[in-house]
N, C-alpha and C. Protein backbone atom coordinates (compact mmCIF):
# COMPACT_ATOMS: atom_id res chain seq x y z
N UNK A 1 0.96 -1.24 0.23
CA UNK A 1 0.13 0.08 -0.10
C UNK A 1 1.11 1.51 0.21
N UNK A 2 0.38 2.57 -0.97
CA UNK A 2 1.09 3.46 -0.79
C UNK A 2 0.36 4.55 -0.28
N UNK A 3 0.78 5.48 0.33
CA UNK A 3 -0.08 6.27 1.57
C UNK A 3 -0.10 7.92 0.44
N UNK A 4 -0.53 8.42 0.69
CA UNK A 4 -0.44 9.90 -0.05
C UNK A 4 0.57 10.71 -0.13
N UNK A 5 1.19 10.30 1.13
CA UNK A 5 2.84 11.09 1.18
C UNK A 5 3.86 10.76 0.54
N UNK A 6 3.31 9.29 -0.22
CA UNK A 6 4.43 8.57 -0.46
C UNK A 6 4.84 7.35 0.31
N UNK A 7 4.69 7.32 1.73
CA UNK A 7 5.01 6.18 2.66
C UNK A 7 4.60 4.78 1.94
N UNK A 8 5.42 3.81 1.96
CA UNK A 8 5.46 2.63 1.65
C UNK A 8 4.50 1.75 3.23
N UNK A 9 3.69 0.72 2.79
CA UNK A 9 3.41 -0.06 3.79
C UNK A 9 3.02 -1.33 3.46
N UNK A 10 3.54 -2.61 4.06
CA UNK A 10 3.35 -3.89 3.59
C UNK A 10 2.24 -4.28 5.09
N UNK A 11 1.27 -5.09 4.51
CA UNK A 11 0.30 -5.59 5.58
C UNK A 11 0.52 -7.00 5.60
N UNK A 12 0.25 -7.42 7.16
CA UNK A 12 0.35 -8.97 7.33
C UNK A 12 -1.55 -9.49 7.24
N UNK A 13 -1.20 -11.12 7.34
CA UNK A 13 -2.39 -11.61 7.30
C UNK A 13 -3.54 -10.82 8.40
N UNK A 14 -4.55 -10.78 7.85
CA UNK A 14 -5.53 -10.14 8.95
C UNK A 14 -5.06 -8.66 9.68
N UNK A 15 -4.62 -7.77 8.86
CA UNK A 15 -4.37 -6.48 9.23
C UNK A 15 -5.21 -6.06 8.43
N UNK A 16 -5.12 -4.36 8.90
CA UNK A 16 -5.93 -3.38 8.31
C UNK A 16 -5.81 -2.15 8.92
N UNK A 17 -5.15 -1.06 8.05
CA UNK A 17 -5.02 0.49 8.29
C UNK A 17 -5.84 1.28 7.81
N UNK A 18 -6.29 2.64 8.60
CA UNK A 18 -7.11 3.31 8.03
C UNK A 18 -6.56 4.76 8.20
N UNK A 19 -6.65 5.57 6.96
CA UNK A 19 -5.82 6.87 6.94
C UNK A 19 -6.81 7.79 5.98
N UNK A 20 -6.49 9.12 5.96
CA UNK A 20 -6.87 10.31 5.46
C UNK A 20 -6.79 10.22 3.85
N UNK A 21 -7.66 10.62 3.13
CA UNK A 21 -7.26 10.73 1.63
C UNK A 21 -5.86 11.98 1.23
N UNK A 22 -6.09 12.61 2.22
CA UNK A 22 -4.77 13.33 2.51
C UNK A 22 -4.20 13.70 4.01
N UNK A 23 -2.92 14.04 3.63
CA UNK A 23 -2.44 14.30 5.46
C UNK A 23 -2.63 15.80 5.42
N UNK A 24 -2.88 16.56 6.45
CA UNK A 24 -2.80 18.19 6.54
C UNK A 24 -2.48 17.98 7.97
N UNK A 25 -2.07 19.51 8.00
CA UNK A 25 -1.15 19.98 9.47
C UNK A 25 0.06 19.63 9.79
N UNK A 26 0.07 19.40 10.83
CA UNK A 26 1.51 19.11 11.38
C UNK A 26 1.89 17.66 11.37
N UNK A 27 1.15 16.68 11.51
CA UNK A 27 1.08 15.33 11.53
C UNK A 27 0.25 14.36 10.62
N UNK A 28 1.07 13.15 10.12
CA UNK A 28 0.49 12.06 9.61
C UNK A 28 0.10 10.93 10.50
N UNK A 29 -1.18 10.72 10.25
CA UNK A 29 -1.88 9.94 11.45
C UNK A 29 -2.25 8.75 10.92
N UNK A 30 -1.78 7.54 11.10
CA UNK A 30 -2.64 6.04 10.78
C UNK A 30 -2.72 5.23 11.82
N UNK A 31 -4.41 4.35 11.58
CA UNK A 31 -4.59 3.46 12.46
C UNK A 31 -4.33 2.23 12.24
N UNK A 32 -4.15 1.37 13.09
CA UNK A 32 -3.25 0.26 12.32
C UNK A 32 -4.21 -0.83 13.74
N UNK A 33 -4.56 -2.12 13.16
CA UNK A 33 -5.07 -3.19 13.59
C UNK A 33 -4.50 -4.54 12.70
N UNK A 34 -3.52 -5.21 13.61
CA UNK A 34 -2.84 -6.05 13.16
C UNK A 34 -1.05 -6.01 13.10
N UNK A 35 -0.75 -6.22 11.98
CA UNK A 35 1.03 -6.27 11.69
C UNK A 35 1.21 -5.30 10.60
N UNK A 36 2.27 -4.75 10.31
CA UNK A 36 2.52 -3.78 9.46
C UNK A 36 4.11 -3.26 9.17
N UNK A 37 4.39 -3.04 7.98
CA UNK A 37 5.91 -2.96 7.92
C UNK A 37 5.73 -1.57 7.35
N UNK A 38 6.79 -0.12 7.87
CA UNK A 38 6.82 0.73 7.59
C UNK A 38 7.80 1.49 6.95
N UNK A 39 7.98 1.78 5.70
CA UNK A 39 9.11 2.87 5.07
C UNK A 39 8.53 4.35 4.80
N UNK A 40 8.71 5.26 5.79
CA UNK A 40 8.23 6.42 5.86
C UNK A 40 8.95 7.52 4.94
N UNK A 41 8.17 8.12 4.06
CA UNK A 41 8.83 8.69 3.31
C UNK A 41 8.84 10.51 4.29
N UNK A 42 9.56 11.44 3.82
CA UNK A 42 9.48 12.68 4.99
C UNK A 42 8.94 13.30 3.91
N UNK A 43 8.29 14.24 4.95
CA UNK A 43 6.80 14.74 4.29
C UNK A 43 6.93 16.55 4.98
N UNK A 44 6.98 17.59 4.16
CA UNK A 44 6.48 19.08 4.93
C UNK A 44 5.29 19.55 4.55
N UNK A 45 4.93 20.61 5.36
CA UNK A 45 3.99 21.02 5.25
C UNK A 45 4.17 22.91 5.50
N UNK A 46 3.38 23.61 4.83
CA UNK A 46 3.46 25.18 5.50
C UNK A 46 2.54 24.91 6.92
N UNK A 47 3.18 25.55 8.00
CA UNK A 47 1.82 25.85 9.01
C UNK A 47 2.26 27.44 9.50
N UNK A 48 1.59 27.89 9.03
CA UNK A 48 1.14 29.40 9.71
C UNK A 48 2.59 29.97 9.11
N UNK A 49 2.77 29.52 7.78
CA UNK A 49 3.81 30.56 6.67
C UNK A 49 5.02 29.70 7.19
N UNK A 50 5.35 28.84 7.97
CA UNK A 50 6.85 28.31 8.44
C UNK A 50 6.34 26.82 7.63
N UNK A 51 7.92 26.41 6.90
CA UNK A 51 7.69 24.86 6.46
C UNK A 51 7.88 24.06 7.41
N UNK A 52 7.34 22.91 7.83
CA UNK A 52 7.22 22.46 8.82
C UNK A 52 7.41 20.70 8.53
N UNK A 53 7.87 19.65 9.08
CA UNK A 53 8.21 18.59 8.67
C UNK A 53 7.13 17.87 9.61
N UNK A 54 6.52 16.99 8.94
CA UNK A 54 5.24 16.64 9.33
C UNK A 54 5.77 15.45 9.71
N UNK A 55 5.41 15.03 11.33
CA UNK A 55 5.19 13.80 12.28
C UNK A 55 4.29 12.56 11.73
N UNK A 56 4.86 11.19 11.47
CA UNK A 56 4.34 10.32 11.25
C UNK A 56 4.04 9.69 12.21
N UNK A 57 2.60 9.34 12.41
CA UNK A 57 2.06 8.17 13.95
C UNK A 57 1.05 7.18 13.34
N UNK A 58 1.81 6.33 13.91
CA UNK A 58 0.91 4.95 13.75
C UNK A 58 0.26 4.48 15.01
N UNK A 59 -1.19 4.61 15.27
CA UNK A 59 -1.61 4.49 16.51
C UNK A 59 -2.61 2.70 16.68
N UNK A 60 -2.16 2.52 17.41
CA UNK A 60 -2.63 1.11 17.48
C UNK A 60 -3.29 1.15 19.10
N UNK A 61 -4.32 -0.06 19.55
CA UNK A 61 -5.51 -0.17 20.41
C UNK A 61 -4.36 0.21 21.97
N UNK A 62 -3.21 0.56 21.85
CA UNK A 62 -2.76 0.52 23.41
C UNK A 62 -1.55 1.65 23.12
N UNK A 63 -0.80 1.78 21.90
CA UNK A 63 0.22 2.79 21.93
C UNK A 63 0.01 3.75 20.28
N UNK A 64 0.83 4.81 20.75
CA UNK A 64 1.31 5.84 19.26
C UNK A 64 2.57 5.45 19.17
N UNK A 65 3.27 5.26 17.66
CA UNK A 65 4.25 5.32 17.47
C UNK A 65 4.52 6.87 16.49
N UNK A 66 5.68 7.13 17.07
CA UNK A 66 5.71 8.34 16.62
C UNK A 66 7.19 8.48 15.63
N UNK A 67 7.25 8.98 14.20
CA UNK A 67 8.44 8.89 13.51
C UNK A 67 8.30 10.17 12.52
N UNK A 68 9.98 10.63 12.16
CA UNK A 68 9.76 11.72 11.28
C UNK A 68 10.29 11.19 10.02
N UNK A 69 10.84 9.86 9.75
CA UNK A 69 11.43 9.31 8.58
C UNK A 69 12.14 8.18 8.80
N UNK A 70 11.45 6.64 8.71
CA UNK A 70 12.55 5.40 9.14
C UNK A 70 11.33 4.43 8.82
N UNK A 71 12.20 2.99 9.12
CA UNK A 71 11.83 1.75 8.76
C UNK A 71 11.11 0.97 9.99
N UNK A 72 10.14 0.49 9.94
CA UNK A 72 9.75 -0.19 11.36
C UNK A 72 8.52 -0.87 11.19
N UNK A 73 8.72 -2.04 12.00
CA UNK A 73 7.62 -3.25 12.01
C UNK A 73 6.66 -2.72 13.20
N UNK A 74 5.50 -2.84 13.02
CA UNK A 74 4.42 -2.81 14.18
C UNK A 74 3.47 -4.08 14.07
N UNK A 75 3.64 -4.98 15.30
CA UNK A 75 2.71 -6.44 15.15
C UNK A 75 1.36 -5.76 16.42
N UNK A 76 0.40 -5.54 16.38
CA UNK A 76 -0.36 -5.16 17.18
C UNK A 76 -1.76 -5.97 17.28
N UNK A 77 -2.03 -7.00 17.18
CA UNK A 77 -3.21 -8.09 17.02
C UNK A 77 -3.95 -8.02 18.27
N UNK A 78 -5.34 -7.94 17.99
CA UNK A 78 -6.00 -8.13 19.04
C UNK A 78 -6.26 -9.40 20.30
N UNK A 79 -6.00 -10.32 19.54
CA UNK A 79 -5.41 -11.83 20.05
C UNK A 79 -4.22 -11.59 20.83
N UNK A 80 -3.55 -10.80 20.98
CA UNK A 80 -2.13 -10.53 21.67
C UNK A 80 -1.78 -10.13 22.75
N UNK A 81 -1.10 -10.49 23.82
CA UNK A 81 -0.88 -9.85 25.00
C UNK A 81 -0.16 -8.72 25.18
N UNK A 82 0.59 -8.70 24.04
CA UNK A 82 1.32 -7.21 23.80
C UNK A 82 1.37 -6.76 22.46
N UNK A 83 1.88 -5.26 22.16
CA UNK A 83 2.05 -4.61 21.09
C UNK A 83 3.65 -5.12 20.82
N UNK A 84 4.28 -5.20 19.72
CA UNK A 84 5.82 -5.26 19.48
C UNK A 84 6.01 -4.31 18.25
N UNK A 85 7.04 -3.38 18.63
CA UNK A 85 7.36 -2.47 17.56
C UNK A 85 8.94 -2.39 17.58
N UNK A 86 9.43 -2.91 16.30
CA UNK A 86 10.67 -3.43 16.04
C UNK A 86 11.35 -2.04 15.01
N UNK A 87 12.65 -1.91 15.23
CA UNK A 87 12.79 -0.72 14.34
C UNK A 87 13.99 -0.98 13.89
N UNK A 88 14.29 -0.89 11.83
CA UNK A 88 15.25 -1.18 11.48
C UNK A 88 16.39 -0.02 11.11
N UNK A 89 15.63 1.13 10.72
CA UNK A 89 16.64 2.60 10.46
C UNK A 89 15.72 3.50 11.35
N UNK A 90 16.56 4.60 11.49
CA UNK A 90 16.12 5.91 11.94
C UNK A 90 15.88 5.42 13.54
N UNK A 91 14.59 6.15 13.94
CA UNK A 91 14.33 6.10 15.00
C UNK A 91 12.64 6.80 15.17
N UNK A 92 12.32 6.38 16.55
CA UNK A 92 10.94 5.83 16.77
C UNK A 92 10.65 6.17 18.48
N UNK A 93 9.99 6.89 18.84
CA UNK A 93 9.15 7.15 19.84
C UNK A 93 7.96 6.45 20.44
N UNK A 94 7.91 5.80 21.11
CA UNK A 94 6.76 4.97 21.60
C UNK A 94 6.18 5.55 22.97
N UNK A 95 4.59 5.71 22.86
CA UNK A 95 3.48 6.44 23.53
C UNK A 95 2.90 5.79 24.10
N UNK A 96 2.47 4.86 25.42
CA UNK A 96 1.54 4.01 25.88
C UNK A 96 0.29 5.11 25.79
N UNK A 97 -0.62 4.66 25.18
CA UNK A 97 -2.20 5.69 24.43
C UNK A 97 -2.98 4.88 24.15
N UNK A 98 -3.43 4.10 25.27
CA UNK A 98 -4.61 3.30 25.28
C UNK A 98 -5.79 3.82 24.74
N UNK A 99 -6.62 3.31 23.77
CA UNK A 99 -7.76 3.68 23.13
C UNK A 99 -8.71 3.77 24.29
N UNK A 100 -8.98 2.59 24.75
CA UNK A 100 -10.12 2.33 25.94
C UNK A 100 -9.22 1.98 27.42
N UNK A 101 -8.76 3.34 27.85
CA UNK A 101 -8.39 3.16 29.20
C UNK A 101 -8.99 2.59 30.30
N UNK A 102 -10.68 2.93 30.05
CA UNK A 102 -11.23 1.64 31.40
C UNK A 102 -10.87 0.45 31.12
N UNK A 103 -10.47 -0.24 29.88
CA UNK A 103 -10.14 -1.99 30.09
C UNK A 103 -8.97 -2.00 30.67
N UNK A 104 -8.13 -1.34 31.07
CA UNK A 104 -6.75 -1.65 31.13
C UNK A 104 -6.07 -0.94 32.68
N UNK A 105 -7.64 -0.06 33.29
CA UNK A 105 -6.91 0.71 34.46
C UNK A 105 -6.86 0.26 35.65
N UNK A 106 -7.94 -0.84 35.61
CA UNK A 106 -8.37 -2.14 37.12
C UNK A 106 -9.22 -1.14 37.59
N UNK A 107 -9.10 -1.64 39.35
CA UNK A 107 -10.44 -1.18 40.33
C UNK A 107 -9.92 0.63 40.20
N UNK A 108 -10.82 1.12 40.50
CA UNK A 108 -10.77 2.69 40.95
C UNK A 108 -9.72 2.61 41.93
N UNK A 109 -9.91 2.36 42.98
CA UNK A 109 -8.76 2.58 43.98
C UNK A 109 -7.49 2.03 43.83
N UNK A 110 -6.98 1.65 42.53
CA UNK A 110 -5.67 1.17 42.47
C UNK A 110 -5.12 2.37 41.38
N UNK A 111 -3.97 2.67 41.66
CA UNK A 111 -3.37 3.72 40.51
C UNK A 111 -2.90 3.01 38.96
N UNK A 112 -2.62 3.38 38.08
CA UNK A 112 -2.06 2.74 36.83
C UNK A 112 -0.92 3.41 36.67
N UNK A 113 0.49 2.82 36.98
CA UNK A 113 1.14 3.24 36.19
C UNK A 113 1.54 3.74 35.06
N UNK A 114 1.94 4.69 34.35
CA UNK A 114 2.10 4.95 32.93
C UNK A 114 3.59 4.52 32.66
N UNK A 115 3.83 4.48 31.90
CA UNK A 115 5.28 3.79 31.35
C UNK A 115 5.85 5.34 30.88
N UNK A 116 7.44 5.58 31.21
CA UNK A 116 7.71 6.86 30.16
C UNK A 116 7.52 6.50 28.81
N UNK A 117 7.55 7.46 27.80
CA UNK A 117 7.83 7.27 26.36
C UNK A 117 9.54 7.22 26.28
N UNK A 118 9.45 6.10 25.31
CA UNK A 118 10.70 5.68 24.81
C UNK A 118 11.15 5.66 23.66
N UNK A 119 12.50 6.37 23.36
CA UNK A 119 12.99 6.21 21.93
C UNK A 119 13.82 5.03 21.47
N UNK A 120 13.31 4.22 20.55
CA UNK A 120 13.94 3.28 20.15
C UNK A 120 15.42 3.59 19.14
N UNK A 121 16.42 2.64 19.05
CA UNK A 121 17.54 2.45 18.39
C UNK A 121 17.32 1.64 17.28
N UNK A 122 17.92 1.22 16.05
CA UNK A 122 18.11 0.16 15.11
C UNK A 122 18.35 -0.96 15.96
N UNK A 123 17.53 -1.45 15.56
CA UNK A 123 17.85 -3.31 16.43
C UNK A 123 17.38 -3.43 17.25
N UNK A 124 16.23 -2.49 17.64
CA UNK A 124 15.27 -2.43 19.07
C UNK A 124 14.14 -2.72 19.21
N UNK A 125 13.56 -3.62 19.95
CA UNK A 125 12.23 -3.76 19.84
C UNK A 125 11.56 -3.43 21.07
N UNK A 126 10.35 -2.74 21.04
CA UNK A 126 9.39 -2.33 22.29
C UNK A 126 8.69 -3.07 22.62
N UNK A 127 8.39 -3.99 23.59
CA UNK A 127 7.08 -4.80 23.63
C UNK A 127 6.33 -4.14 24.92
N UNK A 128 4.93 -3.45 24.65
CA UNK A 128 4.15 -3.16 25.26
C UNK A 128 3.29 -4.13 25.85
N UNK A 129 3.12 -4.51 26.63
CA UNK A 129 1.67 -5.63 27.58
C UNK A 129 0.50 -4.67 27.28
N UNK A 130 -0.52 -5.42 27.33
CA UNK A 130 -1.72 -4.41 27.08
C UNK A 130 -2.13 -4.12 28.38
N UNK A 131 -1.49 -4.45 29.48
CA UNK A 131 -1.59 -3.66 31.17
C UNK A 131 -0.85 -2.64 31.31
N UNK A 132 0.11 -1.95 30.15
CA UNK A 132 1.09 -1.07 30.11
C UNK A 132 2.37 -1.22 30.64
N UNK A 133 2.81 -2.39 31.12
CA UNK A 133 3.98 -2.54 31.24
C UNK A 133 4.74 -2.50 29.92
N UNK A 134 6.18 -1.81 29.69
CA UNK A 134 7.01 -1.76 28.37
C UNK A 134 8.63 -1.80 28.77
N UNK A 135 8.86 -2.88 28.09
CA UNK A 135 10.51 -3.02 28.00
C UNK A 135 10.91 -3.20 26.17
N UNK A 136 12.23 -2.62 26.51
CA UNK A 136 12.87 -2.53 25.13
C UNK A 136 14.40 -3.48 25.09
N UNK A 137 14.14 -4.16 24.33
CA UNK A 137 15.72 -5.31 24.17
C UNK A 137 15.79 -5.11 22.27
N UNK A 138 17.04 -5.93 22.47
CA UNK A 138 17.63 -5.91 21.33
C UNK A 138 17.20 -7.13 20.65
N UNK A 139 16.71 -7.35 19.04
CA UNK A 139 16.54 -8.14 18.60
C UNK A 139 16.96 -8.51 17.24
N UNK A 140 16.70 -9.88 16.46
CA UNK A 140 17.34 -10.09 15.28
C UNK A 140 16.12 -9.45 14.49
N UNK A 141 16.23 -8.42 13.87
CA UNK A 141 15.39 -7.66 13.10
C UNK A 141 14.98 -8.62 11.37
N UNK A 142 16.06 -9.18 10.94
CA UNK A 142 15.49 -9.80 10.20
C UNK A 142 14.39 -11.07 10.38
N UNK A 143 14.26 -11.52 11.84
CA UNK A 143 13.06 -12.56 11.93
C UNK A 143 11.74 -11.77 12.10
N UNK A 144 12.04 -10.25 12.66
CA UNK A 144 10.88 -9.43 12.85
C UNK A 144 9.93 -9.31 11.92
N UNK A 145 10.62 -9.27 10.32
CA UNK A 145 10.08 -8.82 9.49
C UNK A 145 10.18 -10.40 8.26
N UNK A 146 10.40 -11.50 8.91
CA UNK A 146 10.67 -12.51 7.87
C UNK A 146 8.94 -12.38 7.42
N UNK A 147 7.90 -12.63 7.90
CA UNK A 147 6.44 -12.53 7.41
C UNK A 147 6.88 -11.41 5.94
N UNK A 148 7.40 -10.21 6.07
CA UNK A 148 7.16 -9.12 4.96
C UNK A 148 8.10 -9.90 3.59
N UNK A 149 9.44 -10.59 3.92
CA UNK A 149 9.98 -11.13 3.08
C UNK A 149 9.41 -12.78 2.63
N UNK A 150 7.94 -13.27 2.83
CA UNK A 150 7.59 -14.63 3.03
C UNK A 150 8.14 -15.51 3.40
N UNK A 151 8.71 -15.50 4.94
CA UNK A 151 8.75 -16.57 5.88
C UNK A 151 8.28 -16.32 6.99
N UNK A 152 7.91 -17.78 7.28
CA UNK A 152 7.87 -17.93 8.70
C UNK A 152 8.91 -18.33 9.26
N UNK A 153 9.18 -17.52 10.52
CA UNK A 153 11.04 -17.62 10.63
C UNK A 153 10.95 -17.36 12.34
N UNK A 154 11.22 -18.31 13.10
CA UNK A 154 11.04 -18.51 14.63
C UNK A 154 12.18 -18.84 15.09
N UNK A 155 12.63 -18.16 16.45
CA UNK A 155 13.65 -18.82 17.45
C UNK A 155 13.28 -18.80 18.54
N UNK A 156 13.04 -20.28 19.03
CA UNK A 156 12.66 -20.50 20.04
C UNK A 156 11.24 -19.66 20.56
N UNK A 157 10.54 -19.98 19.70
CA UNK A 157 8.66 -19.42 19.79
C UNK A 157 7.99 -20.57 20.33
N UNK A 158 7.48 -20.20 21.35
CA UNK A 158 5.87 -21.31 21.81
C UNK A 158 4.99 -21.37 20.67
N UNK A 159 4.74 -22.96 20.74
CA UNK A 159 3.87 -23.35 19.71
C UNK A 159 2.91 -22.24 19.50
N UNK A 160 2.18 -21.92 20.35
CA UNK A 160 0.95 -20.80 20.15
C UNK A 160 0.98 -19.89 19.41
N UNK A 161 2.11 -19.40 19.93
CA UNK A 161 2.47 -18.01 18.85
C UNK A 161 2.73 -18.73 17.48
N UNK A 162 3.73 -19.51 17.11
CA UNK A 162 3.61 -19.75 15.81
C UNK A 162 2.64 -20.08 15.21
N UNK A 163 1.47 -21.03 15.89
CA UNK A 163 0.12 -21.45 15.26
C UNK A 163 -1.06 -20.40 14.89
N UNK A 164 -0.52 -19.44 15.81
CA UNK A 164 -1.79 -17.99 15.47
C UNK A 164 -1.28 -17.60 14.64
N UNK A 165 0.17 -17.59 14.27
CA UNK A 165 0.59 -16.91 12.71
C UNK A 165 -0.05 -17.69 11.67
N UNK A 166 0.33 -19.26 11.91
CA UNK A 166 -0.50 -19.96 10.52
C UNK A 166 -1.77 -20.06 10.78
N UNK A 167 -2.65 -19.45 11.74
CA UNK A 167 -3.79 -19.73 11.43
C UNK A 167 -4.66 -18.23 10.94
N UNK A 168 -4.03 -16.78 10.87
CA UNK A 168 -3.92 -15.79 10.69
C UNK A 168 -3.80 -16.24 8.98
N UNK A 169 -2.38 -16.90 8.40
CA UNK A 169 -2.18 -16.66 7.36
C UNK A 169 -3.09 -17.75 6.16
N UNK A 170 -3.58 -19.20 7.18
CA UNK A 170 -3.98 -20.00 6.01
C UNK A 170 -5.48 -20.09 6.13
N UNK A 171 -5.97 -19.02 7.35
CA UNK A 171 -7.23 -18.92 7.52
C UNK A 171 -7.78 -20.32 8.17
N UNK A 172 -7.15 -20.91 9.07
CA UNK A 172 -7.75 -21.91 9.65
C UNK A 172 -7.78 -21.84 10.64
N UNK A 173 -8.38 -22.88 11.52
CA UNK A 173 -8.70 -23.06 13.07
C UNK A 173 -7.68 -23.88 13.83
N UNK A 174 -7.49 -23.65 15.22
CA UNK A 174 -6.41 -24.45 15.48
C UNK A 174 -7.10 -25.09 16.93
N UNK A 175 -6.91 -26.15 17.01
CA UNK A 175 -7.31 -26.59 18.20
C UNK A 175 -6.40 -27.78 19.31
N UNK A 176 -6.28 -27.59 20.38
CA UNK A 176 -5.25 -28.21 21.04
C UNK A 176 -5.96 -29.23 22.16
N UNK A 177 -5.34 -30.34 21.86
CA UNK A 177 -6.31 -31.72 22.70
C UNK A 177 -5.34 -31.39 23.99
N UNK A 178 -4.26 -30.88 24.17
CA UNK A 178 -3.39 -30.86 25.63
C UNK A 178 -2.95 -29.47 25.57
N UNK A 179 -3.35 -28.39 26.52
CA UNK A 179 -3.14 -27.27 26.38
C UNK A 179 -1.54 -27.03 26.56
N UNK A 180 -0.73 -28.00 27.73
CA UNK A 180 0.26 -27.77 27.40
C UNK A 180 1.35 -27.87 26.47
N UNK A 181 0.34 -28.37 24.79
CA UNK A 181 1.40 -28.32 23.95
C UNK A 181 1.70 -26.66 23.64
N UNK A 182 0.97 -25.94 23.92
CA UNK A 182 1.47 -24.31 23.40
C UNK A 182 2.42 -23.90 23.94
N UNK A 183 3.27 -24.35 25.00
CA UNK A 183 4.28 -24.02 25.72
C UNK A 183 5.59 -24.56 24.94
N UNK A 184 5.56 -25.83 23.78
CA UNK A 184 6.54 -26.09 23.14
C UNK A 184 7.00 -25.06 22.46
N UNK A 185 8.25 -24.97 22.42
CA UNK A 185 9.10 -24.14 21.23
C UNK A 185 9.53 -24.60 20.48
N UNK A 186 9.38 -23.56 19.10
CA UNK A 186 10.08 -24.41 17.93
C UNK A 186 10.71 -22.89 17.43
N UNK A 187 12.11 -23.64 16.42
CA UNK A 187 12.74 -22.70 16.13
C UNK A 187 13.12 -23.11 14.46
N UNK A 188 13.01 -22.36 13.38
CA UNK A 188 13.14 -23.01 12.12
C UNK A 188 12.67 -21.87 11.19
N UNK A 189 12.75 -22.18 10.06
CA UNK A 189 12.08 -21.24 8.98
C UNK A 189 11.44 -21.91 7.62
N UNK A 190 10.55 -21.31 6.93
CA UNK A 190 9.60 -21.88 6.26
C UNK A 190 8.83 -21.16 5.46
N UNK A 191 8.99 -21.38 4.23
CA UNK A 191 8.36 -20.19 3.10
C UNK A 191 6.91 -20.43 3.64
N UNK A 192 6.17 -18.81 3.32
CA UNK A 192 4.58 -19.13 3.78
C UNK A 192 3.64 -19.63 2.69
N UNK A 193 4.86 -19.37 1.61
CA UNK A 193 3.76 -20.04 -0.07
C UNK A 193 3.66 -21.71 -0.02
N UNK A 194 4.49 -22.22 1.11
CA UNK A 194 4.18 -23.62 0.95
C UNK A 194 3.05 -24.22 1.65
N UNK A 195 2.55 -25.14 1.15
CA UNK A 195 1.61 -26.10 1.93
C UNK A 195 1.79 -25.87 3.46
N UNK A 196 0.38 -25.76 4.17
CA UNK A 196 0.75 -25.94 5.28
C UNK A 196 1.08 -27.08 5.61
N UNK A 197 0.91 -28.21 5.25
CA UNK A 197 1.40 -29.28 5.49
C UNK A 197 2.78 -29.49 5.72
N UNK A 198 3.42 -28.91 4.93
CA UNK A 198 4.94 -29.08 5.15
C UNK A 198 5.56 -28.22 6.24
N UNK A 199 5.02 -26.90 6.94
CA UNK A 199 5.01 -26.26 7.86
C UNK A 199 4.85 -26.98 9.18
N UNK A 200 3.41 -28.09 9.20
CA UNK A 200 3.42 -28.96 10.31
C UNK A 200 4.29 -29.83 10.28
N UNK A 201 4.59 -30.37 9.58
CA UNK A 201 5.82 -31.88 9.23
C UNK A 201 7.02 -31.48 9.98
N UNK A 202 7.40 -30.13 9.51
CA UNK A 202 9.03 -29.28 10.31
C UNK A 202 8.84 -29.11 11.72
N UNK A 203 7.58 -28.88 12.05
CA UNK A 203 7.56 -28.92 13.48
C UNK A 203 7.49 -30.34 14.07
N UNK A 204 6.81 -31.20 13.45
CA UNK A 204 6.90 -32.44 13.79
C UNK A 204 8.10 -33.24 13.96
N UNK A 205 9.01 -32.49 13.18
CA UNK A 205 10.35 -33.26 13.39
C UNK A 205 11.37 -33.12 14.52
N UNK A 206 10.68 -31.81 15.45
CA UNK A 206 11.28 -31.92 17.11
C UNK A 206 11.02 -32.95 17.53
N UNK A 207 9.58 -33.90 17.57
CA UNK A 207 9.25 -34.79 18.18
C UNK A 207 8.57 -34.54 19.37
N UNK A 208 8.23 -33.22 19.60
CA UNK A 208 7.42 -32.88 20.82
C UNK A 208 5.89 -32.78 20.58
N UNK A 209 5.44 -32.58 19.40
CA UNK A 209 3.79 -32.75 18.77
C UNK A 209 3.86 -33.42 17.33
N UNK A 210 2.36 -33.75 17.53
CA UNK A 210 2.23 -34.29 16.38
C UNK A 210 0.59 -33.37 15.58
N UNK A 211 0.41 -33.49 14.69
CA UNK A 211 -1.01 -32.45 14.11
C UNK A 211 -1.72 -33.75 13.46
N UNK A 212 -3.08 -33.19 13.02
CA UNK A 212 -3.95 -33.81 12.07
C UNK A 212 -4.84 -32.71 11.69
N UNK A 213 -5.04 -32.44 10.31
CA UNK A 213 -5.96 -31.99 9.83
C UNK A 213 -7.24 -32.59 9.20
N UNK A 214 -8.39 -31.68 9.95
CA UNK A 214 -9.37 -32.51 9.56
C UNK A 214 -10.17 -30.94 9.20
N UNK A 215 -10.56 -31.13 7.83
CA UNK A 215 -10.91 -30.00 6.85
C UNK A 215 -10.37 -28.72 6.69
N UNK A 216 -10.96 -27.57 7.88
CA UNK A 216 -10.33 -26.31 8.24
C UNK A 216 -9.55 -26.08 9.07
N UNK A 217 -9.63 -27.01 10.00
CA UNK A 217 -9.11 -27.40 11.34
C UNK A 217 -7.56 -28.14 11.52
N UNK A 218 -6.35 -27.30 12.39
CA UNK A 218 -5.42 -28.02 12.46
C UNK A 218 -5.70 -28.83 14.19
N UNK A 219 -5.31 -30.05 14.37
CA UNK A 219 -5.56 -30.59 15.51
C UNK A 219 -4.20 -30.71 16.21
N UNK A 220 -4.07 -29.82 17.13
CA UNK A 220 -2.56 -30.73 17.79
C UNK A 220 -2.89 -31.69 18.95
N UNK A 221 -2.29 -32.76 18.28
CA UNK A 221 -2.95 -34.08 19.22
C UNK A 221 -1.81 -34.57 20.22
N UNK A 222 -0.76 -34.14 20.36
CA UNK A 222 0.34 -34.41 21.74
C UNK A 222 1.27 -33.13 21.99
């Protein structure tokens, strides 16, 4: 997707963005649900007779990401317990900004700690829990944007995380006969354009789980 300012956006499965037909004023703001990779262009507007650089803001369910021109990835699916922002180039500022604060504030007599805004450097990832806790770590950015390059790629990822991505991409349901299977970890890389059975066989090679396919459903049997 190419936005009105020339910014390029790649959308992952089950993802959508909302934006105006033209960006006016001091900022360019879009709404994201799901996961997207951004290559943000530099844009200027005349504000009160002055040529001003427009900031670029990606707003998700719980945070705002503000940039001026950079490459980054945001993963913010509603069934995830956190929002992950990964920076490849430039810099971004992460701000806790829940759209529905009443859902995360807890009891009225309990104070909610609002995390300070953080500025990411390249190769860093901010993980913002839906309850407001924020942490920053160094990561393998190639793995974070593997989906954009047509891959499922994981390093010690819980099976639950892997199969949620598989479910979105192949539009299938997942059923666990044993809930403990969700915590099994998987490391590997498989093309997203292969048949789903090939990915499942790669996971089965670990010996930790087995799968059965029934129609549009993947059943984790062990």
